[in-house]
Amino acid sequence: MKTPAALDLAATDYRTQSGARHAVPLTFRAAWPYWLMPALLALVLTLIFLNPFIGDWDGLDYTVLSVRGYPSSMALGRSLFIFFNHALYRLGHSLFGVPAADAYLIFKYAVVLQCPLAVIACWTLARDLTRSVHVATASAMLVAVSPVFVLYSGQVMTDVPSVLLVALALIVYLRGAQQRKLWLLFAGAVLFGAGVNVRETTAFYAPWLVVAPMICGWKWKRRDLAIIAAVVVVFILVALSGFGFWYLSDPVYRMSWHIWLASMHDETALHPVTLRSALPFVVFFFLTAPLVFVALPAAAWKEWRAHSFSPLLACAAVGLLSNLLLIFNYSTAVNWRYFLTGLPALAPLVGSYFVGYETERLGSRRRGFAVAILGPLLITAILVVLVRPASSDHFNKLSVAKDYITRLSLLPRDAVVMAGSQTVAVTYWHGVGAGEWEVIGIGGGWPGAQLETVIENHLQKGRRVFLDADPHLWLPCGWRASELPTLVELQSRFHFQRVSETIFEIKDLHDASARDQPQLERLLPEHRPADVKKCFSVGKTN
């Protein structure tokens, strides 16, 4: 019988034995110190960077939809994420009387709990691919300290739940391919399809459904090809079933989805994908996981030379493809969080490279492992020391939505509100039943040259229209700055009556009682040099 020390040595042996990369690893239960370390680190970082409210603007939309139990009009609806949250809310509301306004706490901490589970799943995937607990731990650490993973682990967003499902799907399907167990293959396909219903970029992993069996020794025989084809069909059915049901059965959803699609066409026209998009693409890829980005070419080359197109390299290739496909969407030039898509598949290759390189350099597996995890720990220190102050400022800006109900309480419950970047806050508080406000939104909802007509139509219907002229809500950056001249022109078309320090009611030009001056020209970029300097400028794409 082998001693625990001998088992640990075998678990991390880099010599090829019986056609495998490493010897049989420690069991999951016996290896608990290895997977617990990155899981606890991820949880601690999440709590340090916990969002004080809901998170990014999409999170407010998800929260309202989760309370209502209705899919999002974005992409394929994210129905699994939303209805899972809806079930949690119904349970919390029934048992503890949680009001709709506090439902976000349930959803946010559900994501927090999924954070260490996602890291453990990534650890297991790396262990299965490399048969090394040391490599698995280094790989999981790379995921745990990803700035995007940390910042979005404390928000009502789909990113971390998507990482969890992707990692689980990769594990289950790989085991099915290795063991030729059909139920594991189909279970993996179902998990991939479920992941699409959390975040659509999971669909970019579809090549793994074909690559994994072939890299595990399957042949181009009729039976094997038929099994793979059936697996792909199951994946497609699960991936599209939720969206298909709502699209075909609900005319309101169908109409709202087409409105979203039209807005995406408009946004794409405003932000076309060009060569200039490559710079922010590379920058955001790097920021998502700096060590993974930097070491990836060397790790891939070393793996290819040592083991040719191994399951480890194949998995990383699919993960890299998943990230590269993001370049066809303009959003990836303005938002860094999408690059979390490929990280679960990329981290094992880079973790194997770091541990292997340091082991060869130092001549000791234990010292090589210790040095390999110093990099992620350095990223942790940078996150806490440098990123924490900046993230606090960012989170405080986002959490303004939590307090915006105070301003809304000054207005009629059925008012039409122009609130700039707090448009989503108005929609949120309406969605949780605090009022019946309607918005004239920014971005895709901005009427442009038709703004005057839209306001006049509301006034003719007896609706009262209000403008929050707080400069913090009207950013002088990129495409947002293009909305400001139209806003300023309202001063010559309407009269204004002050309601509060920043809020004005917009009235007909013939209303002599409204004579307040909102001084909207102060919102223009040329009058806000300090704010313009703060605008994000990578590739000038914001």
Protein backbone atom coordinates (compact mmCIF):
# COMPACT_ATOMS: atom_id res chain seq x y z
CA MET A 1 0.00 0.00 0.00
CA LYS A 2 1.25 3.45 -0.92
CA THR A 3 1.78 6.02 1.78
CA PRO A 4 0.05 9.43 1.54
CA ALA A 5 3.41 10.95 0.53
CA ALA A 6 3.80 8.39 -2.26
CA LEU A 7 0.24 9.03 -3.42
CA ASP A 8 0.93 12.76 -3.58
CA LEU A 9 4.12 12.12 -5.55
CA ALA A 10 2.27 9.93 -8.03
CA ALA A 11 -0.50 12.49 -8.27
CA THR A 12 1.91 15.08 -9.58
CA ASP A 13 4.34 12.93 -11.57
CA TYR A 14 5.07 14.55 -14.92
CA ARG A 15 6.41 11.40 -16.52
CA THR A 16 4.19 9.76 -19.11
CA GLN A 17 2.89 6.44 -17.78
CA SER A 18 0.77 3.92 -19.70
CA GLY A 19 -0.07 6.48 -22.36
CA ALA A 20 -1.38 9.00 -19.85
CA ARG A 21 0.18 12.36 -19.04
CA HIS A 22 0.41 11.64 -15.32
CA ALA A 23 -0.25 8.86 -12.88
CA VAL A 24 -3.65 8.34 -11.27
CA PRO A 25 -4.42 11.48 -9.23
CA LEU A 26 -5.68 11.81 -5.71
CA THR A 27 -9.44 11.42 -5.32
CA PHE A 28 -11.49 14.58 -5.07
CA ARG A 29 -12.12 13.99 -1.37
CA ALA A 30 -8.48 13.29 -0.57
CA ALA A 31 -7.37 16.36 -2.55
CA TRP A 32 -9.56 18.79 -0.62
CA PRO A 33 -6.66 21.05 0.51
CA TYR A 34 -5.81 21.67 -3.14
CA TRP A 35 -9.26 22.66 -4.43
CA LEU A 36 -10.32 24.41 -1.22
CA MET A 37 -7.49 26.95 -1.42
CA PRO A 38 -8.52 28.61 -4.73
CA ALA A 39 -12.20 28.30 -3.84
CA LEU A 40 -11.72 30.17 -0.56
CA LEU A 41 -9.53 32.76 -2.26
CA ALA A 42 -12.25 33.40 -4.84
CA LEU A 43 -14.90 33.73 -2.14
CA VAL A 44 -12.81 36.16 -0.07
CA LEU A 45 -12.08 38.33 -3.11
CA THR A 46 -15.75 38.28 -4.04
CA LEU A 47 -16.76 39.54 -0.60
CA ILE A 48 -14.06 42.24 -0.74
CA PHE A 49 -15.35 43.46 -4.10
CA LEU A 50 -19.05 42.78 -3.42
CA ASN A 51 -21.31 45.19 -5.28
CA PRO A 52 -23.36 47.35 -2.89
CA PHE A 53 -26.49 47.03 -5.02
CA ILE A 54 -27.23 44.89 -8.08
CA GLY A 55 -24.39 45.56 -10.49
CA ASP A 56 -24.20 46.49 -14.15
CA TRP A 57 -27.27 47.85 -15.85
CA ASP A 58 -28.15 44.47 -17.34
CA GLY A 59 -28.36 43.18 -13.77
CA LEU A 60 -31.22 45.56 -12.96
CA ASP A 61 -33.07 44.27 -16.00
CA TYR A 62 -32.42 40.66 -14.96
CA THR A 63 -33.68 41.42 -11.45
CA VAL A 64 -36.99 42.85 -12.67
CA LEU A 65 -37.48 39.96 -15.08
CA SER A 66 -36.60 37.42 -12.39
CA VAL A 67 -39.20 38.89 -10.06
CA ARG A 68 -41.80 38.79 -12.82
CA GLY A 69 -40.74 35.38 -14.15
CA TYR A 70 -40.37 36.57 -17.74
CA PRO A 71 -37.43 35.99 -20.12
CA SER A 72 -35.18 38.75 -21.37
CA SER A 73 -35.68 40.11 -24.87
CA MET A 74 -31.89 40.11 -25.28
CA ALA A 75 -30.42 37.37 -27.46
CA LEU A 76 -32.00 33.99 -26.58
CA GLY A 77 -33.70 35.14 -23.38
CA ARG A 78 -31.32 33.84 -20.65
CA SER A 79 -34.35 31.91 -19.41
CA LEU A 80 -32.52 29.41 -17.18
CA PHE A 81 -30.79 32.20 -15.26
CA ILE A 82 -33.99 34.23 -14.91
CA PHE A 83 -36.35 31.39 -13.99
CA PHE A 84 -33.86 29.90 -11.53
CA ASN A 85 -33.80 33.29 -9.81
CA HIS A 86 -37.58 33.53 -10.04
CA ALA A 87 -37.91 30.22 -8.20
CA LEU A 88 -35.56 31.50 -5.49
CA TYR A 89 -37.61 34.69 -5.17
CA ARG A 90 -40.93 32.84 -4.94
CA LEU A 91 -39.43 30.63 -2.23
CA GLY A 92 -38.00 33.59 -0.31
CA HIS A 93 -41.21 35.58 -0.69
CA SER A 94 -43.40 32.68 0.48
CA LEU A 95 -41.24 31.63 3.44
CA PHE A 96 -39.78 34.92 4.62
CA GLY A 97 -41.91 37.60 3.02
CA VAL A 98 -39.03 39.05 0.97
CA PRO A 99 -40.45 42.05 -0.96
CA ALA A 100 -39.78 42.53 -4.65
CA ALA A 101 -37.56 45.54 -3.91
CA ASP A 102 -35.20 43.30 -1.91
CA ALA A 103 -35.24 40.34 -4.30
CA TYR A 104 -31.88 41.43 -5.69
CA LEU A 105 -30.26 40.30 -2.42
CA ILE A 106 -31.37 36.73 -3.10
CA PHE A 107 -30.13 36.82 -6.67
CA LYS A 108 -26.82 38.49 -5.81
CA TYR A 109 -25.88 36.07 -3.06
CA ALA A 110 -26.90 33.14 -5.24
CA VAL A 111 -24.15 34.27 -7.63
CA VAL A 112 -21.75 34.70 -4.70
CA LEU A 113 -22.36 31.07 -3.70
CA GLN A 114 -21.80 29.92 -7.27
CA CYS A 115 -18.40 31.63 -7.34
CA PRO A 116 -16.43 29.02 -5.29
CA LEU A 117 -18.40 26.23 -6.99
CA ALA A 118 -17.28 27.54 -10.38
CA VAL A 119 -13.65 27.58 -9.20
CA ILE A 120 -13.95 24.02 -7.90
CA ALA A 121 -15.45 22.95 -11.23
CA CYS A 122 -12.51 24.58 -13.05
CA TRP A 123 -10.13 22.75 -10.69
CA THR A 124 -11.80 19.43 -11.51
CA LEU A 125 -11.63 20.10 -15.23
CA ALA A 126 -7.91 20.85 -15.05
CA ARG A 127 -7.32 17.77 -12.88
CA ASP A 128 -9.17 15.57 -15.40
CA LEU A 129 -7.17 17.02 -18.29
CA THR A 130 -3.73 16.84 -16.66
CA ARG A 131 -4.14 14.24 -13.90
CA SER A 132 -2.26 16.55 -11.54
CA VAL A 133 -3.62 18.20 -8.42
CA HIS A 134 -0.81 20.76 -8.57
CA VAL A 135 -1.71 21.82 -12.10
CA ALA A 136 -5.40 21.81 -11.20
CA THR A 137 -4.75 24.12 -8.26
CA ALA A 138 -2.63 26.55 -10.27
CA SER A 139 -5.28 26.58 -13.00
CA ALA A 140 -8.11 27.22 -10.54
CA MET A 141 -6.08 30.04 -9.00
CA LEU A 142 -5.82 31.69 -12.42
CA VAL A 143 -9.62 31.67 -12.65
CA ALA A 144 -10.13 32.75 -9.04
CA VAL A 145 -8.04 35.90 -9.42
CA SER A 146 -9.35 36.95 -12.82
CA PRO A 147 -10.41 40.59 -12.32
CA VAL A 148 -13.58 40.05 -14.36
CA PHE A 149 -14.46 36.89 -12.46
CA VAL A 150 -13.93 38.63 -9.12
CA LEU A 151 -15.89 41.79 -9.95
CA TYR A 152 -18.84 39.90 -11.43
CA SER A 153 -19.03 37.27 -8.70
CA GLY A 154 -20.82 39.80 -6.51
CA GLN A 155 -23.39 41.02 -9.03
CA VAL A 156 -26.71 39.83 -10.45
CA MET A 157 -25.09 38.90 -13.75
CA THR A 158 -24.81 35.77 -15.88
CA ASP A 159 -21.02 35.65 -16.16
CA VAL A 160 -20.09 33.50 -13.14
CA PRO A 161 -23.06 31.10 -13.46
CA SER A 162 -21.98 30.66 -17.09
CA VAL A 163 -18.43 29.75 -16.03
CA LEU A 164 -19.86 27.16 -13.64
CA LEU A 165 -22.03 25.53 -16.30
CA VAL A 166 -19.31 25.60 -18.96
CA ALA A 167 -16.79 23.94 -16.64
CA LEU A 168 -19.32 21.28 -15.58
CA ALA A 169 -20.27 20.62 -19.20
CA LEU A 170 -16.62 20.28 -20.23
CA ILE A 171 -15.98 17.84 -17.37
CA VAL A 172 -19.01 15.64 -17.98
CA TYR A 173 -18.60 15.50 -21.75
CA LEU A 174 -14.87 14.78 -21.53
CA ARG A 175 -15.49 11.89 -19.15
CA GLY A 176 -18.20 10.59 -21.45
CA ALA A 177 -15.81 10.69 -24.40
CA GLN A 178 -12.98 9.06 -22.45
CA GLN A 179 -15.15 6.31 -20.96
CA ARG A 180 -17.47 5.97 -23.99
CA LYS A 181 -20.51 6.34 -21.75
CA LEU A 182 -23.47 7.62 -23.71
CA TRP A 183 -25.34 8.99 -20.72
CA LEU A 184 -22.39 11.19 -19.81
CA LEU A 185 -22.11 12.44 -23.39
CA PHE A 186 -25.78 13.38 -23.54
CA ALA A 187 -25.63 14.86 -20.04
CA GLY A 188 -22.73 17.03 -21.17
CA ALA A 189 -24.68 18.14 -24.23
CA VAL A 190 -27.65 19.04 -22.02
CA LEU A 191 -25.37 21.07 -19.75
CA PHE A 192 -23.93 22.94 -22.73
CA GLY A 193 -27.46 23.65 -23.96
CA ALA A 194 -28.46 24.82 -20.50
CA GLY A 195 -25.42 27.10 -20.49
CA VAL A 196 -26.69 28.79 -23.65
CA ASN A 197 -29.85 29.63 -21.70
CA VAL A 198 -27.68 31.39 -19.12
CA ARG A 199 -25.30 33.11 -21.53
CA GLU A 200 -25.42 32.64 -25.27
CA THR A 201 -21.64 32.63 -25.76
CA THR A 202 -21.63 29.09 -24.32
CA ALA A 203 -22.70 28.05 -27.83
CA PHE A 204 -19.16 28.88 -28.98
CA TYR A 205 -18.06 25.67 -27.23
CA ALA A 206 -20.11 23.56 -29.66
CA PRO A 207 -16.96 22.32 -31.50
CA TRP A 208 -16.01 20.49 -28.29
CA LEU A 209 -18.94 18.14 -28.93
CA VAL A 210 -17.06 16.84 -31.97
CA VAL A 211 -13.45 17.47 -30.96
CA ALA A 212 -13.54 15.71 -27.56
CA PRO A 213 -14.54 12.24 -28.81
CA MET A 214 -12.02 12.36 -31.66
CA ILE A 215 -9.17 13.48 -29.44
CA CYS A 216 -10.07 10.65 -27.05
CA GLY A 217 -9.61 7.99 -29.71
CA TRP A 218 -13.00 7.70 -31.38
CA LYS A 219 -12.91 6.64 -35.03
CA TRP A 220 -14.66 7.98 -38.10
CA LYS A 221 -17.02 5.04 -38.02
CA ARG A 222 -20.75 5.19 -38.72
CA ARG A 223 -21.76 4.39 -35.15
CA ASP A 224 -19.42 6.94 -33.60
CA LEU A 225 -20.49 9.62 -36.05
CA ALA A 226 -24.15 8.83 -35.40
CA ILE A 227 -23.63 9.22 -31.64
CA ILE A 228 -21.87 12.55 -32.10
CA ALA A 229 -24.61 13.76 -34.45
CA ALA A 230 -27.26 12.79 -31.89
CA VAL A 231 -25.36 14.64 -29.16
CA VAL A 232 -25.22 17.77 -31.33
CA VAL A 233 -28.97 17.54 -31.96
CA VAL A 234 -29.66 17.29 -28.22
CA PHE A 235 -27.45 20.31 -27.58
CA ILE A 236 -29.29 22.39 -30.21
CA LEU A 237 -32.71 21.37 -28.91
CA VAL A 238 -31.86 22.24 -25.31
CA ALA A 239 -30.12 25.48 -26.33
CA LEU A 240 -33.04 26.77 -28.40
CA SER A 241 -36.03 25.24 -26.64
CA GLY A 242 -36.60 28.05 -24.13
CA PHE A 243 -36.29 30.83 -26.68
CA GLY A 244 -38.37 28.88 -29.21
CA PHE A 245 -41.20 28.34 -26.74
CA TRP A 246 -41.49 32.01 -25.81
CA TYR A 247 -40.99 33.26 -29.34
CA LEU A 248 -43.72 31.03 -30.77
CA SER A 249 -46.22 31.23 -27.91
CA ASP A 250 -46.01 34.84 -26.72
CA PRO A 251 -46.70 37.66 -29.26
CA VAL A 252 -45.55 40.29 -26.77
CA TYR A 253 -42.21 38.57 -26.29
CA ARG A 254 -41.86 38.11 -30.03
CA MET A 255 -42.45 41.82 -30.62
CA SER A 256 -40.03 42.89 -27.86
CA TRP A 257 -37.38 40.53 -29.24
CA HIS A 258 -37.65 42.08 -32.70
CA ILE A 259 -37.37 45.52 -31.12
CA TRP A 260 -34.17 44.37 -29.41
CA LEU A 261 -32.88 42.95 -32.69
CA ALA A 262 -33.53 46.25 -34.47
CA SER A 263 -31.75 48.14 -31.71
CA MET A 264 -28.75 45.82 -32.09
CA HIS A 265 -28.63 46.58 -35.80
CA ASP A 266 -28.66 50.28 -34.98
CA GLU A 267 -25.93 49.85 -32.36
CA THR A 268 -23.81 47.81 -34.77
CA ALA A 269 -24.16 50.55 -37.37
CA LEU A 270 -22.98 53.10 -34.81
CA HIS A 271 -20.08 50.90 -33.67
CA PRO A 272 -18.95 48.89 -36.72
CA VAL A 273 -16.35 46.20 -36.21
CA THR A 274 -13.13 47.43 -37.83
CA LEU A 275 -9.39 46.94 -37.47
CA ARG A 276 -9.48 49.60 -34.76
CA SER A 277 -11.60 47.20 -32.70
CA ALA A 278 -8.58 44.91 -32.39
CA LEU A 279 -6.85 47.12 -29.82
CA PRO A 280 -9.62 47.12 -27.18
CA PHE A 281 -10.20 43.44 -27.99
CA VAL A 282 -6.61 42.60 -27.08
CA VAL A 283 -6.61 44.92 -24.04
CA PHE A 284 -9.79 43.40 -22.61
CA PHE A 285 -8.57 39.87 -23.30
CA PHE A 286 -5.40 40.70 -21.37
CA LEU A 287 -7.24 42.33 -18.45
CA THR A 288 -9.57 39.36 -18.03
CA ALA A 289 -6.67 37.08 -17.11
CA PRO A 290 -3.24 38.72 -17.54
CA LEU A 291 -1.13 35.65 -16.81
CA VAL A 292 -3.21 33.44 -19.10
CA PHE A 293 -2.98 35.92 -21.96
CA VAL A 294 0.78 36.40 -21.64
CA ALA A 295 1.72 32.72 -21.24
CA LEU A 296 -0.78 31.21 -23.69
CA PRO A 297 1.47 31.12 -26.82
CA ALA A 298 4.39 29.52 -24.97
CA ALA A 299 2.08 27.09 -23.16
CA ALA A 300 0.45 25.99 -26.43
CA TRP A 301 3.82 25.54 -28.17
CA LYS A 302 5.27 23.49 -25.33
CA GLU A 303 2.18 21.29 -25.11
CA TRP A 304 2.21 20.71 -28.86
CA ARG A 305 5.85 19.70 -28.83
CA ALA A 306 5.39 17.37 -25.86
CA HIS A 307 2.02 15.77 -26.58
CA SER A 308 0.87 16.97 -30.01
CA PHE A 309 -2.86 17.73 -30.17
CA SER A 310 -3.72 16.42 -26.69
CA PRO A 311 -7.08 16.80 -24.90
CA LEU A 312 -5.50 19.62 -22.88
CA LEU A 313 -4.47 21.53 -26.00
CA ALA A 314 -7.74 20.74 -27.77
CA CYS A 315 -9.76 22.10 -24.86
CA ALA A 316 -7.69 25.28 -24.82
CA ALA A 317 -8.11 25.65 -28.59
CA VAL A 318 -11.89 25.54 -28.22
CA GLY A 319 -11.70 28.09 -25.40
CA LEU A 320 -9.50 30.38 -27.51
CA LEU A 321 -11.89 30.05 -30.45
CA SER A 322 -14.74 31.01 -28.12
CA ASN A 323 -12.97 34.25 -27.27
CA LEU A 324 -11.87 34.99 -30.83
CA LEU A 325 -15.46 34.71 -32.07
CA LEU A 326 -16.33 37.59 -29.76
CA ILE A 327 -14.59 40.01 -32.11
CA PHE A 328 -17.59 39.90 -34.45
CA ASN A 329 -19.74 41.62 -31.84
CA TYR A 330 -19.18 45.34 -31.34
CA SER A 331 -19.86 44.99 -27.59
CA THR A 332 -16.51 43.35 -27.01
CA ALA A 333 -14.80 46.60 -28.00
CA VAL A 334 -16.54 48.45 -25.16
CA ASN A 335 -17.00 45.81 -22.45
CA TRP A 336 -14.37 43.52 -20.96
CA ARG A 337 -16.54 40.95 -19.23
CA TYR A 338 -17.29 38.89 -22.34
CA PHE A 339 -13.76 37.52 -22.38
CA LEU A 340 -14.52 35.36 -19.37
CA THR A 341 -16.10 33.01 -21.94
CA GLY A 342 -12.97 31.04 -22.80
CA LEU A 343 -11.17 31.19 -19.45
CA PRO A 344 -12.32 27.79 -18.02
CA ALA A 345 -10.81 26.04 -21.04
CA LEU A 346 -7.66 28.17 -21.30
CA ALA A 347 -6.60 28.10 -17.64
CA PRO A 348 -5.66 24.36 -17.51
CA LEU A 349 -3.15 24.71 -20.35
CA VAL A 350 -1.47 27.74 -18.80
CA GLY A 351 -1.54 26.22 -15.31
CA SER A 352 0.17 23.10 -16.69
CA TYR A 353 2.80 25.27 -18.35
CA PHE A 354 3.60 27.25 -15.20
CA VAL A 355 3.84 24.20 -12.95
CA GLY A 356 5.84 22.20 -15.50
CA TYR A 357 8.23 25.05 -16.24
CA GLU A 358 8.93 25.83 -12.58
CA THR A 359 9.27 22.15 -11.72
CA GLU A 360 11.90 21.67 -14.42
CA ARG A 361 13.70 24.87 -13.45
CA LEU A 362 13.81 24.12 -9.71
CA GLY A 363 14.05 20.34 -9.89
CA SER A 364 11.27 19.91 -7.34
CA ARG A 365 7.55 19.45 -7.87
CA ARG A 366 6.62 21.03 -4.57
CA ARG A 367 8.83 24.09 -5.02
CA GLY A 368 7.73 24.36 -8.66
CA PHE A 369 4.11 24.32 -7.54
CA ALA A 370 4.76 26.93 -4.84
CA VAL A 371 6.41 29.29 -7.32
CA ALA A 372 3.71 28.67 -9.94
CA ILE A 373 0.98 29.98 -7.65
CA LEU A 374 2.95 33.10 -6.74
CA GLY A 375 1.77 34.73 -9.97
CA PRO A 376 -1.94 34.45 -9.12
CA LEU A 377 -1.18 35.62 -5.58
CA LEU A 378 0.57 38.67 -7.04
CA ILE A 379 -2.56 39.38 -9.11
CA THR A 380 -4.53 39.11 -5.87
CA ALA A 381 -2.34 41.74 -4.22
CA ILE A 382 -2.73 44.05 -7.22
CA LEU A 383 -6.50 43.61 -7.12
CA VAL A 384 -6.71 44.49 -3.44
CA VAL A 385 -4.19 47.35 -3.44
CA LEU A 386 -4.74 49.01 -6.81
CA VAL A 387 -8.06 47.86 -8.27
CA ARG A 388 -10.11 48.05 -5.06
CA PRO A 389 -10.22 51.89 -4.89
CA ALA A 390 -11.17 52.19 -8.56
CA SER A 391 -13.81 49.47 -8.28
CA SER A 392 -15.31 51.18 -5.25
CA ASP A 393 -15.74 54.35 -7.28
CA HIS A 394 -17.27 52.35 -10.14
CA PHE A 395 -19.61 50.45 -7.82
CA ASN A 396 -20.70 53.65 -6.10
CA LYS A 397 -21.72 55.05 -9.48
CA LEU A 398 -23.72 51.93 -10.22
CA SER A 399 -25.35 51.92 -6.80
CA VAL A 400 -26.83 55.37 -7.47
CA ALA A 401 -29.73 53.39 -8.94
CA LYS A 402 -30.48 52.11 -5.44
CA ASP A 403 -31.07 55.65 -4.17
CA TYR A 404 -32.68 57.02 -7.31
CA ILE A 405 -36.09 56.12 -5.92
CA THR A 406 -35.68 59.19 -3.69
CA ARG A 407 -35.72 61.46 -6.73
CA LEU A 408 -38.52 59.51 -8.36
CA SER A 409 -40.68 59.98 -5.26
CA LEU A 410 -40.82 63.70 -6.11
CA LEU A 411 -42.60 62.92 -9.39
CA PRO A 412 -46.10 61.65 -10.23
CA ARG A 413 -46.26 57.86 -10.30
CA ASP A 414 -47.15 57.89 -14.01
CA ALA A 415 -44.64 60.54 -15.14
CA VAL A 416 -42.48 60.26 -18.24
CA VAL A 417 -38.84 60.60 -17.16
CA MET A 418 -35.62 61.47 -18.98
CA ALA A 419 -32.90 60.34 -16.60
CA GLY A 420 -29.84 59.70 -18.79
CA SER A 421 -27.74 56.87 -17.41
CA GLN A 422 -30.34 56.27 -14.71
CA THR A 423 -32.92 55.28 -17.32
CA VAL A 424 -32.41 51.71 -16.19
CA ALA A 425 -33.01 52.75 -12.55
CA VAL A 426 -36.40 54.22 -13.51
CA THR A 427 -37.22 51.01 -15.35
CA TYR A 428 -36.08 48.96 -12.36
CA TRP A 429 -38.19 50.76 -9.78
CA HIS A 430 -41.15 50.63 -12.13
CA GLY A 431 -40.55 46.92 -12.59
CA VAL A 432 -40.59 46.15 -8.85
CA GLY A 433 -43.85 48.06 -8.38
CA ALA A 434 -42.64 51.35 -6.88
CA GLY A 435 -44.30 53.39 -9.64
CA GLU A 436 -45.64 53.43 -13.17
CA TRP A 437 -43.06 55.70 -14.75
CA GLU A 438 -42.26 55.63 -18.43
CA VAL A 439 -38.86 56.58 -19.80
CA ILE A 440 -37.36 58.30 -22.79
CA GLY A 441 -34.17 56.32 -22.78
CA ILE A 442 -30.62 56.78 -24.00
CA GLY A 443 -28.60 54.59 -26.35
CA GLY A 444 -30.89 52.27 -28.31
CA GLY A 445 -33.96 54.01 -26.84
CA TRP A 446 -32.85 57.53 -27.76
CA PRO A 447 -35.26 59.12 -30.29
CA GLY A 448 -32.59 61.43 -31.72
CA ALA A 449 -34.06 64.10 -33.99
CA GLN A 450 -37.55 62.92 -33.03
CA LEU A 451 -37.06 63.82 -29.36
CA GLU A 452 -39.17 66.98 -29.61
CA THR A 453 -42.00 65.06 -31.30
CA VAL A 454 -41.92 62.31 -28.69
CA ILE A 455 -42.19 64.84 -25.85
CA GLU A 456 -45.03 66.70 -27.59
CA ASN A 457 -46.96 63.46 -28.06
CA HIS A 458 -46.71 62.70 -24.34
CA LEU A 459 -47.84 66.21 -23.43
CA GLN A 460 -50.82 66.00 -25.80
CA LYS A 461 -51.89 62.78 -24.09
CA GLY A 462 -51.85 64.52 -20.71
CA ARG A 463 -48.63 62.85 -19.53
CA ARG A 464 -46.22 65.01 -17.52
CA VAL A 465 -42.62 64.87 -18.72
CA PHE A 466 -39.58 65.44 -16.50
CA LEU A 467 -35.88 65.86 -17.20
CA ASP A 468 -33.15 65.12 -14.69
CA ALA A 469 -30.37 67.47 -15.81
CA ASP A 470 -27.79 66.16 -13.35
CA PRO A 471 -24.49 66.21 -15.31
CA HIS A 472 -23.48 62.91 -13.71
CA LEU A 473 -26.33 61.24 -15.63
CA TRP A 474 -25.37 62.64 -19.05
CA LEU A 475 -21.84 61.53 -19.86
CA PRO A 476 -19.83 63.52 -22.45
CA CYS A 477 -18.15 60.38 -23.76
CA GLY A 478 -18.19 58.71 -27.20
CA TRP A 479 -21.61 57.99 -28.64
CA ARG A 480 -23.27 59.32 -25.48
CA ALA A 481 -21.99 62.80 -26.27
CA SER A 482 -23.93 62.76 -29.56
CA GLU A 483 -27.20 62.83 -27.60
CA LEU A 484 -26.39 66.04 -25.76
CA PRO A 485 -26.89 68.62 -28.58
CA THR A 486 -30.44 67.34 -29.16
CA LEU A 487 -31.07 67.65 -25.44
CA VAL A 488 -29.80 71.23 -25.36
CA GLU A 489 -32.09 72.21 -28.26
CA LEU A 490 -35.11 71.51 -26.02
CA GLN A 491 -34.52 74.86 -24.31
CA SER A 492 -35.75 76.68 -27.41
CA ARG A 493 -38.74 74.38 -27.94
CA PHE A 494 -40.21 74.09 -24.43
CA HIS A 495 -40.50 75.86 -21.11
CA PHE A 496 -39.16 74.37 -17.89
CA GLN A 497 -40.29 74.41 -14.29
CA ARG A 498 -37.88 73.40 -11.54
CA VAL A 499 -38.94 70.51 -9.30
CA SER A 500 -35.69 69.95 -7.41
CA GLU A 501 -32.04 70.91 -7.70
CA THR A 502 -31.59 68.84 -10.88
CA ILE A 503 -35.10 67.87 -12.02
CA PHE A 504 -37.23 70.05 -14.31
CA GLU A 505 -40.72 69.52 -15.66
CA ILE A 506 -40.94 70.07 -19.41
CA LYS A 507 -43.96 72.17 -20.38
CA ASP A 508 -45.48 73.60 -23.51
CA LEU A 509 -43.88 76.74 -24.89
CA HIS A 510 -47.14 78.61 -24.28
CA ASP A 511 -47.10 77.91 -20.54
CA ALA A 512 -46.10 81.29 -19.13
CA SER A 513 -45.91 79.96 -15.57
CA ALA A 514 -42.82 77.89 -16.35
CA ARG A 515 -39.85 80.23 -16.62
CA ASP A 516 -36.96 78.37 -15.00
CA GLN A 517 -33.70 78.00 -16.92
CA PRO A 518 -32.16 74.50 -16.80
CA GLN A 519 -28.94 75.70 -18.52
CA LEU A 520 -28.60 72.46 -20.45
CA GLU A 521 -25.64 73.79 -22.43
CA ARG A 522 -23.49 73.01 -19.39
CA LEU A 523 -23.92 69.31 -20.28
CA LEU A 524 -21.98 69.69 -23.53
CA PRO A 525 -18.44 68.24 -23.66
CA GLU A 526 -16.82 71.60 -24.37
CA HIS A 527 -18.06 72.85 -21.00
CA ARG A 528 -16.89 69.76 -19.09
CA PRO A 529 -13.16 69.29 -19.76
CA ALA A 530 -12.60 67.51 -16.45
CA ASP A 531 -15.31 64.94 -17.23
CA VAL A 532 -14.07 64.44 -20.78
CA LYS A 533 -10.59 63.57 -19.45
CA LYS A 534 -12.17 60.71 -17.47
CA CYS A 535 -13.69 59.15 -20.58
CA PHE A 536 -12.34 55.72 -21.42
CA SER A 537 -10.28 56.04 -24.58
CA VAL A 538 -8.89 52.62 -25.61
CA GLY A 539 -9.37 52.60 -29.35
CA LYS A 540 -11.71 55.60 -28.90
CA THR A 541 -14.59 53.15 -28.95
CA ASN A 542 -16.63 54.13 -25.90
